[in-house]
Amino acid sequence: MFPAPHGAVCARLLPLVVEANCQALRERQPDNPAIARYAEIARILTGSHAATIEDGIEWLKQLCADLHIPALSDYGVANADIAILVQKSTAASSMKANPIQLNAAELADILEKAL
């Protein structure tokens, strides 16, 4: 839909998706083992044994800033596109690998933050 490099879009979305996943997991599936995996990833990324999931998310956000990963709006994505992007993303095969099903409001929030 947009002239955007796939990797740049994935990079821009990654910290926001991790953040949304962790919030959804904590609220709806607090015993899901993915929470422990996200904590482990945070420790690996930051190099700190005391790192929290939030530290890992902040590390990812800072990496995007350091690498000058553009906002989705830089590729022409606008608020008006969010509804169709949410609809298309829910049908995407990559969503099957997500540790929790995110609802339309959560997906829209991710995209709004990525603009």
PDB file of N, CA and C in Angstrom:
ATOM      1  N   MET A   1       0.804  -1.203   0.000  1.00  0.00           N
ATOM      2  CA  MET A   1       0.000   0.000   0.000  1.00  0.00           C
ATOM      3  C   MET A   1       0.851   1.274   0.000  1.00  0.00           C
ATOM      4  N   PHE A   2       2.084   1.177   0.518  1.00  0.00           N
ATOM      5  CA  PHE A   2       2.938   2.346   0.663  1.00  0.00           C
ATOM      6  C   PHE A   2       4.354   2.005   0.203  1.00  0.00           C
ATOM      7  N   PRO A   3       5.078   2.991  -0.296  1.00  0.00           N
ATOM      8  CA  PRO A   3       6.462   2.740  -0.735  1.00  0.00           C
ATOM      9  C   PRO A   3       7.419   2.727   0.459  1.00  0.00           C
ATOM     10  N   ALA A   4       7.266   1.721   1.281  1.00  0.00           N
ATOM     11  CA  ALA A   4       8.054   1.629   2.506  1.00  0.00           C
ATOM     12  C   ALA A   4       8.832   0.318   2.534  1.00  0.00           C
ATOM     13  N   PRO A   5      10.112   0.367   2.888  1.00  0.00           N
ATOM     14  CA  PRO A   5      10.881  -0.879   3.015  1.00  0.00           C
ATOM     15  C   PRO A   5      10.324  -1.742   4.153  1.00  0.00           C
ATOM     16  N   HIS A   6      10.138  -3.003   3.855  1.00  0.00           N
ATOM     17  CA  HIS A   6       9.562  -3.935   4.830  1.00  0.00           C
ATOM     18  C   HIS A   6      10.339  -3.916   6.155  1.00  0.00           C
ATOM     19  N   GLY A   7      11.654  -3.937   6.060  1.00  0.00           N
ATOM     20  CA  GLY A   7      12.473  -3.955   7.276  1.00  0.00           C
ATOM     21  C   GLY A   7      12.320  -2.706   8.113  1.00  0.00           C
ATOM     22  N   ALA A   8      12.200  -1.561   7.468  1.00  0.00           N
ATOM     23  CA  ALA A   8      12.027  -0.307   8.203  1.00  0.00           C
ATOM     24  C   ALA A   8      10.681  -0.280   8.913  1.00  0.00           C
ATOM     25  N   VAL A   9       9.655  -0.788   8.255  1.00  0.00           N
ATOM     26  CA  VAL A   9       8.330  -0.847   8.878  1.00  0.00           C
ATOM     27  C   VAL A   9       8.370  -1.795  10.076  1.00  0.00           C
ATOM     28  N   CYS A  10       8.988  -2.951   9.902  1.00  0.00           N
ATOM     29  CA  CYS A  10       9.099  -3.915  11.002  1.00  0.00           C
ATOM     30  C   CYS A  10       9.867  -3.311  12.174  1.00  0.00           C
ATOM     31  N   ALA A  11      10.954  -2.618  11.880  1.00  0.00           N
ATOM     32  CA  ALA A  11      11.757  -1.996  12.935  1.00  0.00           C
ATOM     33  C   ALA A  11      10.944  -0.952  13.684  1.00  0.00           C
ATOM     34  N   ARG A  12      10.192  -0.145  12.967  1.00  0.00           N
ATOM     35  CA  ARG A  12       9.390   0.905  13.597  1.00  0.00           C
ATOM     36  C   ARG A  12       8.315   0.306  14.485  1.00  0.00           C
ATOM     37  N   LEU A  13       7.744  -0.810  14.058  1.00  0.00           N
ATOM     38  CA  LEU A  13       6.655  -1.433  14.810  1.00  0.00           C
ATOM     39  C   LEU A  13       7.129  -2.300  15.969  1.00  0.00           C
ATOM     40  N   LEU A  14       8.337  -2.848  15.880  1.00  0.00           N
ATOM     41  CA  LEU A  14       8.789  -3.840  16.865  1.00  0.00           C
ATOM     42  C   LEU A  14       8.642  -3.402  18.323  1.00  0.00           C
ATOM     43  N   PRO A  15       9.200  -2.274  18.757  1.00  0.00           N
ATOM     44  CA  PRO A  15       9.058  -1.946  20.174  1.00  0.00           C
ATOM     45  C   PRO A  15       7.607  -1.701  20.583  1.00  0.00           C
ATOM     46  N   LEU A  16       6.814  -1.191  19.669  1.00  0.00           N
ATOM     47  CA  LEU A  16       5.412  -0.913  19.971  1.00  0.00           C
ATOM     48  C   LEU A  16       4.601  -2.200  20.072  1.00  0.00           C
ATOM     49  N   VAL A  17       4.924  -3.171  19.236  1.00  0.00           N
ATOM     50  CA  VAL A  17       4.242  -4.463  19.289  1.00  0.00           C
ATOM     51  C   VAL A  17       4.644  -5.215  20.557  1.00  0.00           C
ATOM     52  N   VAL A  18       5.916  -5.184  20.896  1.00  0.00           N
ATOM     53  CA  VAL A  18       6.362  -5.831  22.134  1.00  0.00           C
ATOM     54  C   VAL A  18       5.636  -5.221  23.329  1.00  0.00           C
ATOM     55  N   GLU A  19       5.563  -3.900  23.337  1.00  0.00           N
ATOM     56  CA  GLU A  19       4.886  -3.197  24.431  1.00  0.00           C
ATOM     57  C   GLU A  19       3.413  -3.592  24.518  1.00  0.00           C
ATOM     58  N   ALA A  20       2.710  -3.619  23.385  1.00  0.00           N
ATOM     59  CA  ALA A  20       1.297  -3.996  23.365  1.00  0.00           C
ATOM     60  C   ALA A  20       1.108  -5.458  23.748  1.00  0.00           C
ATOM     61  N   ASN A  21       1.979  -6.327  23.233  1.00  0.00           N
ATOM     62  CA  ASN A  21       1.892  -7.742  23.588  1.00  0.00           C
ATOM     63  C   ASN A  21       2.043  -7.945  25.086  1.00  0.00           C
ATOM     64  N   CYS A  22       3.034  -7.310  25.666  1.00  0.00           N
ATOM     65  CA  CYS A  22       3.282  -7.495  27.096  1.00  0.00           C
ATOM     66  C   CYS A  22       2.124  -6.974  27.937  1.00  0.00           C
ATOM     67  N   GLN A  23       1.577  -5.840  27.549  1.00  0.00           N
ATOM     68  CA  GLN A  23       0.425  -5.312  28.278  1.00  0.00           C
ATOM     69  C   GLN A  23      -0.765  -6.261  28.162  1.00  0.00           C
ATOM     70  N   ALA A  24      -1.038  -6.733  26.956  1.00  0.00           N
ATOM     71  CA  ALA A  24      -2.160  -7.650  26.742  1.00  0.00           C
ATOM     72  C   ALA A  24      -1.942  -8.971  27.482  1.00  0.00           C
ATOM     73  N   LEU A  25      -0.723  -9.484  27.440  1.00  0.00           N
ATOM     74  CA  LEU A  25      -0.425 -10.729  28.146  1.00  0.00           C
ATOM     75  C   LEU A  25      -0.624 -10.566  29.646  1.00  0.00           C
ATOM     76  N   ARG A  26      -0.128  -9.487  30.198  1.00  0.00           N
ATOM     77  CA  ARG A  26      -0.269  -9.261  31.644  1.00  0.00           C
ATOM     78  C   ARG A  26      -1.730  -9.131  32.051  1.00  0.00           C
ATOM     79  N   GLU A  27      -2.530  -8.515  31.189  1.00  0.00           N
ATOM     80  CA  GLU A  27      -3.949  -8.310  31.501  1.00  0.00           C
ATOM     81  C   GLU A  27      -4.794  -9.559  31.281  1.00  0.00           C
ATOM     82  N   ARG A  28      -4.528 -10.289  30.184  1.00  0.00           N
ATOM     83  CA  ARG A  28      -5.418 -11.385  29.802  1.00  0.00           C
ATOM     84  C   ARG A  28      -4.854 -12.777  29.996  1.00  0.00           C
ATOM     85  N   GLN A  29      -3.538 -12.897  30.005  1.00  0.00           N
ATOM     86  CA  GLN A  29      -2.914 -14.212  30.160  1.00  0.00           C
ATOM     87  C   GLN A  29      -1.664 -14.099  31.031  1.00  0.00           C
ATOM     88  N   PRO A  30      -1.824 -13.722  32.283  1.00  0.00           N
ATOM     89  CA  PRO A  30      -0.648 -13.458  33.130  1.00  0.00           C
ATOM     90  C   PRO A  30       0.256 -14.669  33.363  1.00  0.00           C
ATOM     91  N   ASP A  31      -0.218 -15.861  33.085  1.00  0.00           N
ATOM     92  CA  ASP A  31       0.607 -17.060  33.253  1.00  0.00           C
ATOM     93  C   ASP A  31       1.260 -17.511  31.949  1.00  0.00           C
ATOM     94  N   ASN A  32       1.083 -16.749  30.879  1.00  0.00           N
ATOM     95  CA  ASN A  32       1.637 -17.116  29.581  1.00  0.00           C
ATOM     96  C   ASN A  32       3.163 -17.083  29.651  1.00  0.00           C
ATOM     97  N   PRO A  33       3.833 -18.145  29.200  1.00  0.00           N
ATOM     98  CA  PRO A  33       5.298 -18.193  29.249  1.00  0.00           C
ATOM     99  C   PRO A  33       5.980 -17.140  28.371  1.00  0.00           C
ATOM    100  N   ALA A  34       5.253 -16.518  27.469  1.00  0.00           N
ATOM    101  CA  ALA A  34       5.845 -15.469  26.635  1.00  0.00           C
ATOM    102  C   ALA A  34       6.317 -14.286  27.477  1.00  0.00           C
ATOM    103  N   ILE A  35       5.671 -14.054  28.606  1.00  0.00           N
ATOM    104  CA  ILE A  35       6.089 -12.951  29.480  1.00  0.00           C
ATOM    105  C   ILE A  35       7.517 -13.187  29.960  1.00  0.00           C
ATOM    106  N   ALA A  36       7.816 -14.392  30.370  1.00  0.00           N
ATOM    107  CA  ALA A  36       9.175 -14.719  30.811  1.00  0.00           C
ATOM    108  C   ALA A  36      10.170 -14.596  29.659  1.00  0.00           C
ATOM    109  N   ARG A  37       9.733 -14.961  28.454  1.00  0.00           N
ATOM    110  CA  ARG A  37      10.615 -14.830  27.277  1.00  0.00           C
ATOM    111  C   ARG A  37      10.924 -13.370  26.991  1.00  0.00           C
ATOM    112  N   TYR A  38       9.913 -12.512  27.093  1.00  0.00           N
ATOM    113  CA  TYR A  38      10.154 -11.077  26.889  1.00  0.00           C
ATOM    114  C   TYR A  38      11.126 -10.535  27.940  1.00  0.00           C
ATOM    115  N   ALA A  39      11.014 -11.003  29.163  1.00  0.00           N
ATOM    116  CA  ALA A  39      11.944 -10.570  30.211  1.00  0.00           C
ATOM    117  C   ALA A  39      13.362 -11.057  29.898  1.00  0.00           C
ATOM    118  N   GLU A  40      13.477 -12.284  29.424  1.00  0.00           N
ATOM    119  CA  GLU A  40      14.785 -12.825  29.050  1.00  0.00           C
ATOM    120  C   GLU A  40      15.391 -12.025  27.894  1.00  0.00           C
ATOM    121  N   ILE A  41      14.576 -11.694  26.926  1.00  0.00           N
ATOM    122  CA  ILE A  41      15.048 -10.898  25.790  1.00  0.00           C
ATOM    123  C   ILE A  41      15.531  -9.538  26.260  1.00  0.00           C
ATOM    124  N   ALA A  42      14.819  -8.934  27.198  1.00  0.00           N
ATOM    125  CA  ALA A  42      15.233  -7.631  27.744  1.00  0.00           C
ATOM    126  C   ALA A  42      16.608  -7.732  28.401  1.00  0.00           C
ATOM    127  N   ARG A  43      16.836  -8.802  29.136  1.00  0.00           N
ATOM    128  CA  ARG A  43      18.140  -8.986  29.792  1.00  0.00           C
ATOM    129  C   ARG A  43      19.242  -9.174  28.754  1.00  0.00           C
ATOM    130  N   ILE A  44      18.953  -9.915  27.701  1.00  0.00           N
ATOM    131  CA  ILE A  44      19.940 -10.129  26.637  1.00  0.00           C
ATOM    132  C   ILE A  44      20.240  -8.815  25.914  1.00  0.00           C
ATOM    133  N   LEU A  45      19.205  -8.098  25.539  1.00  0.00           N
ATOM    134  CA  LEU A  45      19.400  -6.849  24.795  1.00  0.00           C
ATOM    135  C   LEU A  45      20.181  -5.816  25.588  1.00  0.00           C
ATOM    136  N   THR A  46      19.819  -5.662  26.840  1.00  0.00           N
ATOM    137  CA  THR A  46      20.443  -4.612  27.657  1.00  0.00           C
ATOM    138  C   THR A  46      21.763  -5.050  28.268  1.00  0.00           C
ATOM    139  N   GLY A  47      21.991  -6.355  28.336  1.00  0.00           N
ATOM    140  CA  GLY A  47      23.197  -6.854  28.989  1.00  0.00           C
ATOM    141  C   GLY A  47      23.130  -6.766  30.492  1.00  0.00           C
ATOM    142  N   SER A  48      21.945  -6.556  31.031  1.00  0.00           N
ATOM    143  CA  SER A  48      21.762  -6.415  32.476  1.00  0.00           C
ATOM    144  C   SER A  48      20.899  -7.556  32.999  1.00  0.00           C
ATOM    145  N   HIS A  49      21.387  -8.226  34.029  1.00  0.00           N
ATOM    146  CA  HIS A  49      20.615  -9.308  34.642  1.00  0.00           C
ATOM    147  C   HIS A  49      19.404  -8.779  35.398  1.00  0.00           C
ATOM    148  N   ALA A  50      19.388  -7.480  35.685  1.00  0.00           N
ATOM    149  CA  ALA A  50      18.282  -6.873  36.419  1.00  0.00           C
ATOM    150  C   ALA A  50      17.266  -6.194  35.494  1.00  0.00           C
ATOM    151  N   ALA A  51      17.459  -6.292  34.192  1.00  0.00           N
ATOM    152  CA  ALA A  51      16.583  -5.595  33.241  1.00  0.00           C
ATOM    153  C   ALA A  51      15.155  -6.130  33.300  1.00  0.00           C
ATOM    154  N   THR A  52      14.226  -5.211  33.155  1.00  0.00           N
ATOM    155  CA  THR A  52      12.812  -5.560  33.098  1.00  0.00           C
ATOM    156  C   THR A  52      12.351  -5.537  31.641  1.00  0.00           C
ATOM    157  N   ILE A  53      11.150  -5.994  31.427  1.00  0.00           N
ATOM    158  CA  ILE A  53      10.580  -5.931  30.087  1.00  0.00           C
ATOM    159  C   ILE A  53      10.558  -4.484  29.597  1.00  0.00           C
ATOM    160  N   GLU A  54      10.200  -3.580  30.479  1.00  0.00           N
ATOM    161  CA  GLU A  54      10.153  -2.161  30.110  1.00  0.00           C
ATOM    162  C   GLU A  54      11.528  -1.656  29.697  1.00  0.00           C
ATOM    163  N   ASP A  55      12.581  -2.141  30.347  1.00  0.00           N
ATOM    164  CA  ASP A  55      13.949  -1.771  29.952  1.00  0.00           C
ATOM    165  C   ASP A  55      14.238  -2.262  28.531  1.00  0.00           C
ATOM    166  N   GLY A  56      13.781  -3.446  28.213  1.00  0.00           N
ATOM    167  CA  GLY A  56      13.978  -3.987  26.873  1.00  0.00           C
ATOM    168  C   GLY A  56      13.221  -3.187  25.827  1.00  0.00           C
ATOM    169  N   ILE A  57      12.015  -2.779  26.160  1.00  0.00           N
ATOM    170  CA  ILE A  57      11.223  -1.962  25.234  1.00  0.00           C
ATOM    171  C   ILE A  57      11.914  -0.620  25.011  1.00  0.00           C
ATOM    172  N   GLU A  58      12.391  -0.015  26.073  1.00  0.00           N
ATOM    173  CA  GLU A  58      13.096   1.264  25.940  1.00  0.00           C
ATOM    174  C   GLU A  58      14.370   1.094  25.123  1.00  0.00           C
ATOM    175  N   TRP A  59      15.071  -0.025  25.291  1.00  0.00           N
ATOM    176  CA  TRP A  59      16.276  -0.303  24.505  1.00  0.00           C
ATOM    177  C   TRP A  59      15.922  -0.365  23.017  1.00  0.00           C
ATOM    178  N   LEU A  60      14.827  -1.064  22.688  1.00  0.00           N
ATOM    179  CA  LEU A  60      14.394  -1.159  21.295  1.00  0.00           C
ATOM    180  C   LEU A  60      14.010   0.213  20.737  1.00  0.00           C
ATOM    181  N   LYS A  61      13.303   1.002  21.531  1.00  0.00           N
ATOM    182  CA  LYS A  61      12.918   2.344  21.081  1.00  0.00           C
ATOM    183  C   LYS A  61      14.156   3.205  20.840  1.00  0.00           C
ATOM    184  N   GLN A  62      15.134   3.099  21.733  1.00  0.00           N
ATOM    185  CA  GLN A  62      16.355   3.892  21.564  1.00  0.00           C
ATOM    186  C   GLN A  62      17.134   3.434  20.338  1.00  0.00           C
ATOM    187  N   LEU A  63      17.160   2.139  20.085  1.00  0.00           N
ATOM    188  CA  LEU A  63      17.831   1.638  18.899  1.00  0.00           C
ATOM    189  C   LEU A  63      17.181   2.210  17.637  1.00  0.00           C
ATOM    190  N   CYS A  64      15.861   2.234  17.600  1.00  0.00           N
ATOM    191  CA  CYS A  64      15.161   2.823  16.454  1.00  0.00           C
ATOM    192  C   CYS A  64      15.532   4.286  16.288  1.00  0.00           C
ATOM    193  N   ALA A  65      15.625   5.005  17.401  1.00  0.00           N
ATOM    194  CA  ALA A  65      16.013   6.422  17.337  1.00  0.00           C
ATOM    195  C   ALA A  65      17.451   6.556  16.859  1.00  0.00           C
ATOM    196  N   ASP A  66      18.347   5.742  17.398  1.00  0.00           N
ATOM    197  CA  ASP A  66      19.759   5.804  17.016  1.00  0.00           C
ATOM    198  C   ASP A  66      19.958   5.480  15.534  1.00  0.00           C
ATOM    199  N   LEU A  67      19.137   4.572  15.014  1.00  0.00           N
ATOM    200  CA  LEU A  67      19.246   4.168  13.610  1.00  0.00           C
ATOM    201  C   LEU A  67      18.404   5.051  12.686  1.00  0.00           C
ATOM    202  N   HIS A  68      17.730   6.034  13.272  1.00  0.00           N
ATOM    203  CA  HIS A  68      16.901   6.969  12.504  1.00  0.00           C
ATOM    204  C   HIS A  68      15.835   6.233  11.686  1.00  0.00           C
ATOM    205  N   ILE A  69      15.176   5.285  12.345  1.00  0.00           N
ATOM    206  CA  ILE A  69      14.092   4.559  11.688  1.00  0.00           C
ATOM    207  C   ILE A  69      12.928   5.539  11.509  1.00  0.00           C
ATOM    208  N   PRO A  70      12.495   5.753  10.279  1.00  0.00           N
ATOM    209  CA  PRO A  70      11.445   6.745  10.038  1.00  0.00           C
ATOM    210  C   PRO A  70      10.087   6.338  10.616  1.00  0.00           C
ATOM    211  N   ALA A  71       9.292   7.337  10.926  1.00  0.00           N
ATOM    212  CA  ALA A  71       7.902   7.114  11.311  1.00  0.00           C
ATOM    213  C   ALA A  71       7.141   6.631  10.083  1.00  0.00           C
ATOM    214  N   LEU A  72       6.048   5.933  10.296  1.00  0.00           N
ATOM    215  CA  LEU A  72       5.257   5.457   9.169  1.00  0.00           C
ATOM    216  C   LEU A  72       4.701   6.616   8.344  1.00  0.00           C
ATOM    217  N   SER A  73       4.473   7.740   8.995  1.00  0.00           N
ATOM    218  CA  SER A  73       3.969   8.908   8.269  1.00  0.00           C
ATOM    219  C   SER A  73       4.973   9.396   7.227  1.00  0.00           C
ATOM    220  N   ASP A  74       6.254   9.120   7.428  1.00  0.00           N
ATOM    221  CA  ASP A  74       7.262   9.498   6.440  1.00  0.00           C
ATOM    222  C   ASP A  74       7.076   8.738   5.123  1.00  0.00           C
ATOM    223  N   TYR A  75       6.356   7.638   5.181  1.00  0.00           N
ATOM    224  CA  TYR A  75       6.083   6.840   3.983  1.00  0.00           C
ATOM    225  C   TYR A  75       4.677   7.095   3.449  1.00  0.00           C
ATOM    226  N   GLY A  76       3.996   8.073   4.019  1.00  0.00           N
ATOM    227  CA  GLY A  76       2.663   8.435   3.536  1.00  0.00           C
ATOM    228  C   GLY A  76       1.513   7.818   4.294  1.00  0.00           C
ATOM    229  N   VAL A  77       1.793   7.057   5.348  1.00  0.00           N
ATOM    230  CA  VAL A  77       0.718   6.473   6.148  1.00  0.00           C
ATOM    231  C   VAL A  77       0.095   7.593   6.987  1.00  0.00           C
ATOM    232  N   ALA A  78      -1.227   7.629   7.015  1.00  0.00           N
ATOM    233  CA  ALA A  78      -1.951   8.651   7.767  1.00  0.00           C
ATOM    234  C   ALA A  78      -2.983   7.991   8.685  1.00  0.00           C
ATOM    235  N   ASN A  79      -3.512   8.776   9.599  1.00  0.00           N
ATOM    236  CA  ASN A  79      -4.548   8.272  10.505  1.00  0.00           C
ATOM    237  C   ASN A  79      -5.703   7.640   9.740  1.00  0.00           C
ATOM    238  N   ALA A  80      -6.027   8.208   8.592  1.00  0.00           N
ATOM    239  CA  ALA A  80      -7.136   7.689   7.786  1.00  0.00           C
ATOM    240  C   ALA A  80      -6.876   6.272   7.272  1.00  0.00           C
ATOM    241  N   ASP A  81      -5.623   5.843   7.264  1.00  0.00           N
ATOM    242  CA  ASP A  81      -5.262   4.509   6.768  1.00  0.00           C
ATOM    243  C   ASP A  81      -5.305   3.442   7.851  1.00  0.00           C
ATOM    244  N   ILE A  82      -5.419   3.845   9.087  1.00  0.00           N
ATOM    245  CA  ILE A  82      -5.291   2.891  10.194  1.00  0.00           C
ATOM    246  C   ILE A  82      -6.350   1.797  10.146  1.00  0.00           C
ATOM    247  N   ALA A  83      -7.586   2.138   9.887  1.00  0.00           N
ATOM    248  CA  ALA A  83      -8.655   1.125   9.898  1.00  0.00           C
ATOM    249  C   ALA A  83      -8.392   0.023   8.868  1.00  0.00           C
ATOM    250  N   ILE A  84      -8.002   0.398   7.666  1.00  0.00           N
ATOM    251  CA  ILE A  84      -7.745  -0.625   6.639  1.00  0.00           C
ATOM    252  C   ILE A  84      -6.481  -1.413   6.979  1.00  0.00           C
ATOM    253  N   LEU A  85      -5.487  -0.773   7.557  1.00  0.00           N
ATOM    254  CA  LEU A  85      -4.270  -1.488   7.946  1.00  0.00           C
ATOM    255  C   LEU A  85      -4.558  -2.489   9.063  1.00  0.00           C
ATOM    256  N   VAL A  86      -5.409  -2.108   9.996  1.00  0.00           N
ATOM    257  CA  VAL A  86      -5.805  -3.040  11.061  1.00  0.00           C
ATOM    258  C   VAL A  86      -6.541  -4.223  10.448  1.00  0.00           C
ATOM    259  N   GLN A  87      -7.460  -3.942   9.549  1.00  0.00           N
ATOM    260  CA  GLN A  87      -8.217  -5.016   8.893  1.00  0.00           C
ATOM    261  C   GLN A  87      -7.280  -5.967   8.150  1.00  0.00           C
ATOM    262  N   LYS A  88      -6.345  -5.412   7.394  1.00  0.00           N
ATOM    263  CA  LYS A  88      -5.415  -6.249   6.635  1.00  0.00           C
ATOM    264  C   LYS A  88      -4.482  -7.024   7.563  1.00  0.00           C
ATOM    265  N   SER A  89      -4.052  -6.395   8.647  1.00  0.00           N
ATOM    266  CA  SER A  89      -3.111  -7.072   9.538  1.00  0.00           C
ATOM    267  C   SER A  89      -3.756  -8.239  10.273  1.00  0.00           C
ATOM    268  N   THR A  90      -5.031  -8.143  10.590  1.00  0.00           N
ATOM    269  CA  THR A  90      -5.682  -9.253  11.281  1.00  0.00           C
ATOM    270  C   THR A  90      -5.797 -10.482  10.393  1.00  0.00           C
ATOM    271  N   ALA A  91      -5.755 -10.271   9.086  1.00  0.00           N
ATOM    272  CA  ALA A  91      -5.823 -11.393   8.148  1.00  0.00           C
ATOM    273  C   ALA A  91      -4.437 -11.901   7.750  1.00  0.00           C
ATOM    274  N   ALA A  92      -3.395 -11.235   8.185  1.00  0.00           N
ATOM    275  CA  ALA A  92      -2.033 -11.606   7.781  1.00  0.00           C
ATOM    276  C   ALA A  92      -1.581 -12.880   8.486  1.00  0.00           C
ATOM    277  N   SER A  93      -0.863 -13.706   7.763  1.00  0.00           N
ATOM    278  CA  SER A  93      -0.389 -14.972   8.337  1.00  0.00           C
ATOM    279  C   SER A  93       0.617 -14.747   9.458  1.00  0.00           C
ATOM    280  N   SER A  94       1.343 -13.639   9.423  1.00  0.00           N
ATOM    281  CA  SER A  94       2.339 -13.379  10.467  1.00  0.00           C
ATOM    282  C   SER A  94       1.700 -13.183  11.837  1.00  0.00           C
ATOM    283  N   MET A  95       0.438 -12.822  11.872  1.00  0.00           N
ATOM    284  CA  MET A  95      -0.241 -12.621  13.157  1.00  0.00           C
ATOM    285  C   MET A  95      -0.435 -13.937  13.911  1.00  0.00           C
ATOM    286  N   LYS A  96      -0.396 -15.047  13.201  1.00  0.00           N
ATOM    287  CA  LYS A  96      -0.576 -16.345  13.848  1.00  0.00           C
ATOM    288  C   LYS A  96       0.555 -16.660  14.819  1.00  0.00           C
ATOM    289  N   ALA A  97       1.727 -16.081  14.602  1.00  0.00           N
ATOM    290  CA  ALA A  97       2.879 -16.350  15.454  1.00  0.00           C
ATOM    291  C   ALA A  97       2.934 -15.434  16.673  1.00  0.00           C
ATOM    292  N   ASN A  98       2.048 -14.455  16.734  1.00  0.00           N
ATOM    293  CA  ASN A  98       2.055 -13.542  17.881  1.00  0.00           C
ATOM    294  C   ASN A  98       1.634 -14.310  19.134  1.00  0.00           C
ATOM    295  N   PRO A  99       2.252 -14.038  20.277  1.00  0.00           N
ATOM    296  CA  PRO A  99       1.941 -14.821  21.480  1.00  0.00           C
ATOM    297  C   PRO A  99       0.540 -14.590  22.041  1.00  0.00           C
ATOM    298  N   ILE A 100      -0.123 -13.524  21.617  1.00  0.00           N
ATOM    299  CA  ILE A 100      -1.488 -13.253  22.053  1.00  0.00           C
ATOM    300  C   ILE A 100      -2.200 -12.520  20.924  1.00  0.00           C
ATOM    301  N   GLN A 101      -3.478 -12.794  20.772  1.00  0.00           N
ATOM    302  CA  GLN A 101      -4.244 -12.098  19.741  1.00  0.00           C
ATOM    303  C   GLN A 101      -4.541 -10.692  20.227  1.00  0.00           C
ATOM    304  N   LEU A 102      -4.057  -9.714  19.485  1.00  0.00           N
ATOM    305  CA  LEU A 102      -4.334  -8.318  19.802  1.00  0.00           C
ATOM    306  C   LEU A 102      -5.639  -7.917  19.130  1.00  0.00           C
ATOM    307  N   ASN A 103      -6.438  -7.128  19.846  1.00  0.00           N
ATOM    308  CA  ASN A 103      -7.708  -6.705  19.269  1.00  0.00           C
ATOM    309  C   ASN A 103      -7.509  -5.488  18.366  1.00  0.00           C
ATOM    310  N   ALA A 104      -8.552  -5.091  17.678  1.00  0.00           N
ATOM    311  CA  ALA A 104      -8.462  -3.989  16.716  1.00  0.00           C
ATOM    312  C   ALA A 104      -8.014  -2.690  17.381  1.00  0.00           C
ATOM    313  N   ALA A 105      -8.489  -2.412  18.582  1.00  0.00           N
ATOM    314  CA  ALA A 105      -8.095  -1.180  19.279  1.00  0.00           C
ATOM    315  C   ALA A 105      -6.601  -1.196  19.611  1.00  0.00           C
ATOM    316  N   GLU A 106      -6.097  -2.359  20.021  1.00  0.00           N
ATOM    317  CA  GLU A 106      -4.665  -2.467  20.332  1.00  0.00           C
ATOM    318  C   GLU A 106      -3.825  -2.295  19.072  1.00  0.00           C
ATOM    319  N   LEU A 107      -4.261  -2.883  17.974  1.00  0.00           N
ATOM    320  CA  LEU A 107      -3.530  -2.745  16.716  1.00  0.00           C
ATOM    321  C   LEU A 107      -3.556  -1.301  16.228  1.00  0.00           C
ATOM    322  N   ALA A 108      -4.699  -0.659  16.346  1.00  0.00           N
ATOM    323  CA  ALA A 108      -4.803   0.744  15.932  1.00  0.00           C
ATOM    324  C   ALA A 108      -3.900   1.624  16.779  1.00  0.00           C
ATOM    325  N   ASP A 109      -3.819   1.340  18.062  1.00  0.00           N
ATOM    326  CA  ASP A 109      -2.950   2.113  18.951  1.00  0.00           C
ATOM    327  C   ASP A 109      -1.491   1.978  18.552  1.00  0.00           C
ATOM    328  N   ILE A 110      -1.074   0.775  18.197  1.00  0.00           N
ATOM    329  CA  ILE A 110       0.293   0.549  17.726  1.00  0.00           C
ATOM    330  C   ILE A 110       0.571   1.415  16.496  1.00  0.00           C
ATOM    331  N   LEU A 111      -0.338   1.375  15.555  1.00  0.00           N
ATOM    332  CA  LEU A 111      -0.144   2.137  14.314  1.00  0.00           C
ATOM    333  C   LEU A 111      -0.154   3.638  14.565  1.00  0.00           C
ATOM    334  N   GLU A 112      -1.022   4.100  15.434  1.00  0.00           N
ATOM    335  CA  GLU A 112      -1.051   5.530  15.766  1.00  0.00           C
ATOM    336  C   GLU A 112       0.290   5.968  16.361  1.00  0.00           C
ATOM    337  N   LYS A 113       0.825   5.153  17.229  1.00  0.00           N
ATOM    338  CA  LYS A 113       2.109   5.482  17.857  1.00  0.00           C
ATOM    339  C   LYS A 113       3.257   5.442  16.846  1.00  0.00           C
ATOM    340  N   ALA A 114       3.111   4.612  15.819  1.00  0.00           N
ATOM    341  CA  ALA A 114       4.156   4.464  14.812  1.00  0.00           C
ATOM    342  C   ALA A 114       4.136   5.584  13.765  1.00  0.00           C
ATOM    343  N   LEU A 115       3.052   6.332  13.724  1.00  0.00           N
ATOM    344  CA  LEU A 115       2.957   7.419  12.757  1.00  0.00           C
ATOM    345  C   LEU A 115       3.963   8.505  13.092  1.00  0.00           C
TER     346      LEU A 115
END
